[in-house]
Amino acid sequence: MRHLKAGWKLGRNTSHRRALLRNLVTSLILEERIETTVAKAKAMRPHVEKMITLGKRGDLAARRLAASFLMTPAAVRKLWDIAPRFGDRNGGYLRIVRTGWQRGDGAEKAFIELIGSEKLVEKKREKRAEVRAKRAETARKAMEEQQAAAEQEGGEEKDKEKE
């Protein structure tokens, strides 16, 4: 019986599991949305909730506790920027959206995201679309220049043949 044995083992030993969860939480705070397996998403949820609660507290002791868990100083700074967004909310800072199954082992995949990150994700999509459009435009211009140069060279060769 597994009485009082809460949490997920995720098929890893203690140190590996702790490192995995720390990395996932850090990535989620930095990116605000990541894709992982459902089991990992459920396992990391309490850790993310605790980090956001520390960010809402906002004192030095909370900052040091967050810094001891998160992997990068950038994640701690971002946490302090994100936390006021959840000021009136008592928990429930995350959303897990199931997306399908992983190829290979068939594990169920899911997006885990912070509530309110939809706007940020939309901005990222727009920015990526703009970058893609710029790349396509520069590639099109380069191809047109190459074609024009090839036609010009072809015309010069014909002139030499006529002489």
Protein backbone atom coordinates (compact mmCIF):
# COMPACT_ATOMS: atom_id res chain seq x y z
CA MET A 1 0.00 0.00 0.00
CA ARG A 2 1.20 3.48 -0.83
CA HIS A 3 -0.23 5.32 2.13
CA LEU A 4 1.28 8.81 2.57
CA LYS A 5 3.42 8.34 -0.56
CA ALA A 6 2.27 11.37 -2.53
CA GLY A 7 3.96 12.54 -5.71
CA TRP A 8 5.24 10.99 -8.90
CA LYS A 9 8.43 8.98 -9.26
CA LEU A 10 8.60 9.37 -13.07
CA GLY A 11 10.86 6.33 -13.37
CA ARG A 12 13.86 8.21 -11.97
CA ASN A 13 15.88 8.24 -8.79
CA THR A 14 15.56 11.14 -6.36
CA SER A 15 18.36 13.37 -7.64
CA HIS A 16 17.43 12.86 -11.30
CA ARG A 17 13.77 13.55 -10.58
CA ARG A 18 14.62 16.73 -8.64
CA ALA A 19 16.87 17.97 -11.44
CA LEU A 20 14.19 17.23 -14.03
CA LEU A 21 11.51 19.11 -12.10
CA ARG A 22 13.80 22.08 -11.45
CA ASN A 23 14.61 22.29 -15.17
CA LEU A 24 10.95 22.01 -16.17
CA VAL A 25 9.85 24.68 -13.69
CA THR A 26 12.64 27.03 -14.81
CA SER A 27 11.74 26.51 -18.47
CA LEU A 28 8.05 27.09 -17.80
CA ILE A 29 8.71 30.34 -15.97
CA LEU A 30 11.01 31.59 -18.73
CA GLU A 31 8.85 30.49 -21.68
CA GLU A 32 5.40 30.60 -20.00
CA ARG A 33 4.36 27.58 -22.08
CA ILE A 34 6.13 24.25 -22.68
CA GLU A 35 5.22 20.87 -24.10
CA THR A 36 5.92 17.78 -22.02
CA THR A 37 4.25 14.54 -20.99
CA VAL A 38 1.10 14.65 -18.89
CA ALA A 39 2.79 12.83 -15.99
CA LYS A 40 5.64 15.36 -15.86
CA ALA A 41 3.19 18.25 -16.14
CA LYS A 42 1.17 16.95 -13.20
CA ALA A 43 4.34 16.33 -11.19
CA MET A 44 5.68 19.84 -11.73
CA ARG A 45 2.40 21.65 -11.01
CA PRO A 46 2.87 21.92 -7.21
CA HIS A 47 6.42 23.21 -7.66
CA VAL A 48 5.33 25.95 -10.07
CA GLU A 49 2.47 26.93 -7.80
CA LYS A 50 4.89 27.23 -4.89
CA MET A 51 7.28 29.40 -6.95
CA ILE A 52 4.47 31.76 -7.97
CA THR A 53 3.30 31.99 -4.36
CA LEU A 54 6.85 32.93 -3.36
CA GLY A 55 6.86 35.55 -6.11
CA LYS A 56 3.59 36.98 -4.80
CA ARG A 57 5.09 37.22 -1.32
CA GLY A 58 7.89 39.29 -2.79
CA ASP A 59 10.24 39.58 0.20
CA LEU A 60 13.95 38.79 0.28
CA ALA A 61 13.52 35.43 1.98
CA ALA A 62 11.04 34.35 -0.72
CA ARG A 63 13.44 35.53 -3.44
CA ARG A 64 16.26 33.47 -1.92
CA LEU A 65 14.03 30.38 -1.66
CA ALA A 66 13.02 30.76 -5.31
CA ALA A 67 16.66 31.28 -6.34
CA SER A 68 17.64 28.08 -4.52
CA PHE A 69 15.15 26.08 -6.60
CA LEU A 70 15.23 27.79 -10.01
CA MET A 71 18.21 27.15 -12.25
CA THR A 72 18.96 30.66 -13.54
CA PRO A 73 18.88 34.20 -12.17
CA ALA A 74 16.89 35.21 -15.26
CA ALA A 75 14.12 32.84 -14.18
CA VAL A 76 14.00 34.46 -10.73
CA ARG A 77 13.73 37.94 -12.30
CA LYS A 78 11.01 36.75 -14.66
CA LEU A 79 9.15 35.13 -11.74
CA TRP A 80 9.07 38.48 -9.95
CA ASP A 81 7.66 40.06 -13.14
CA ILE A 82 5.02 37.34 -13.59
CA ALA A 83 3.81 36.97 -9.98
CA PRO A 84 1.83 40.26 -9.71
CA ARG A 85 -0.36 39.00 -12.55
CA PHE A 86 -1.82 36.45 -10.12
CA GLY A 87 -2.28 38.87 -7.19
CA ASP A 88 -6.00 38.21 -6.66
CA ARG A 89 -5.83 34.48 -7.41
CA ASN A 90 -5.36 31.81 -4.73
CA GLY A 91 -3.76 28.96 -6.66
CA GLY A 92 -4.71 27.50 -10.02
CA TYR A 93 -2.00 29.37 -11.91
CA LEU A 94 -1.50 26.65 -14.55
CA ARG A 95 -3.42 25.07 -17.39
CA ILE A 96 -2.63 21.60 -18.77
CA VAL A 97 -3.88 21.04 -22.31
CA ARG A 98 -3.53 17.52 -23.67
CA THR A 99 -2.29 17.46 -27.26
CA GLY A 100 -1.82 13.87 -28.37
CA TRP A 101 0.60 10.99 -28.06
CA GLN A 102 4.35 10.88 -28.39
CA ARG A 103 5.84 8.88 -31.20
CA GLY A 104 7.98 6.03 -30.02
CA ASP A 105 6.64 5.19 -26.59
CA GLY A 106 3.06 6.47 -26.93
CA ALA A 107 3.25 8.73 -23.87
CA GLU A 108 0.47 11.29 -23.68
CA LYS A 109 1.74 14.82 -24.44
CA ALA A 110 0.41 18.10 -23.10
CA PHE A 111 1.09 21.81 -23.11
CA ILE A 112 1.47 23.26 -19.65
CA GLU A 113 1.09 27.01 -19.54
CA LEU A 114 0.61 29.83 -17.11
CA ILE A 115 -2.86 31.34 -17.05
CA GLY A 116 -2.82 34.60 -18.99
CA SER A 117 0.11 33.64 -21.24
CA GLU A 118 -2.17 33.48 -24.30
CA LYS A 119 -1.37 37.08 -25.17
CA LEU A 120 2.35 36.40 -24.95
CA VAL A 121 2.06 33.30 -27.13
CA GLU A 122 0.09 35.28 -29.72
CA LYS A 123 2.77 38.00 -29.78
CA LYS A 124 5.45 35.34 -30.30
CA ARG A 125 3.46 33.84 -33.18
CA GLU A 126 3.09 37.24 -34.85
CA LYS A 127 6.77 37.96 -34.44
CA ARG A 128 7.70 34.56 -35.92
CA ALA A 129 5.36 35.19 -38.86
CA GLU A 130 7.02 38.56 -39.50
CA VAL A 131 10.49 37.00 -39.40
CA ARG A 132 9.35 34.24 -41.78
CA ALA A 133 7.89 36.81 -44.17
CA LYS A 134 11.15 38.82 -44.15
CA ARG A 135 13.19 35.68 -44.87
CA ALA A 136 10.89 34.69 -47.72
CA GLU A 137 11.14 38.22 -49.18
CA THR A 138 14.94 38.26 -49.04
CA ALA A 139 15.09 34.78 -50.59
CA ARG A 140 12.72 35.87 -53.37
CA LYS A 141 14.83 38.97 -54.10
CA ALA A 142 18.02 36.90 -54.16
CA MET A 143 16.47 34.44 -56.63
CA GLU A 144 15.29 37.28 -58.89
CA GLU A 145 18.78 38.81 -58.87
CA GLN A 146 20.32 35.44 -59.73
CA GLN A 147 17.87 34.95 -62.59
CA ALA A 148 18.55 38.45 -63.90
CA ALA A 149 22.31 37.86 -63.72
CA ALA A 150 21.94 34.50 -65.49
CA GLU A 151 19.83 36.06 -68.24
CA GLN A 152 22.35 38.88 -68.65
CA GLU A 153 25.25 36.39 -68.91
CA GLY A 154 23.25 34.31 -71.38
CA GLY A 155 22.65 37.42 -73.51
CA GLU A 156 26.37 38.31 -73.49
CA GLU A 157 27.32 34.78 -74.62
CA LYS A 158 24.87 34.99 -77.54
CA ASP A 159 26.38 38.34 -78.58
CA LYS A 160 29.87 36.80 -78.60
CA GLU A 161 28.65 33.89 -80.71
CA LYS A 162 27.18 36.28 -83.30
CA GLU A 163 30.52 38.08 -83.70
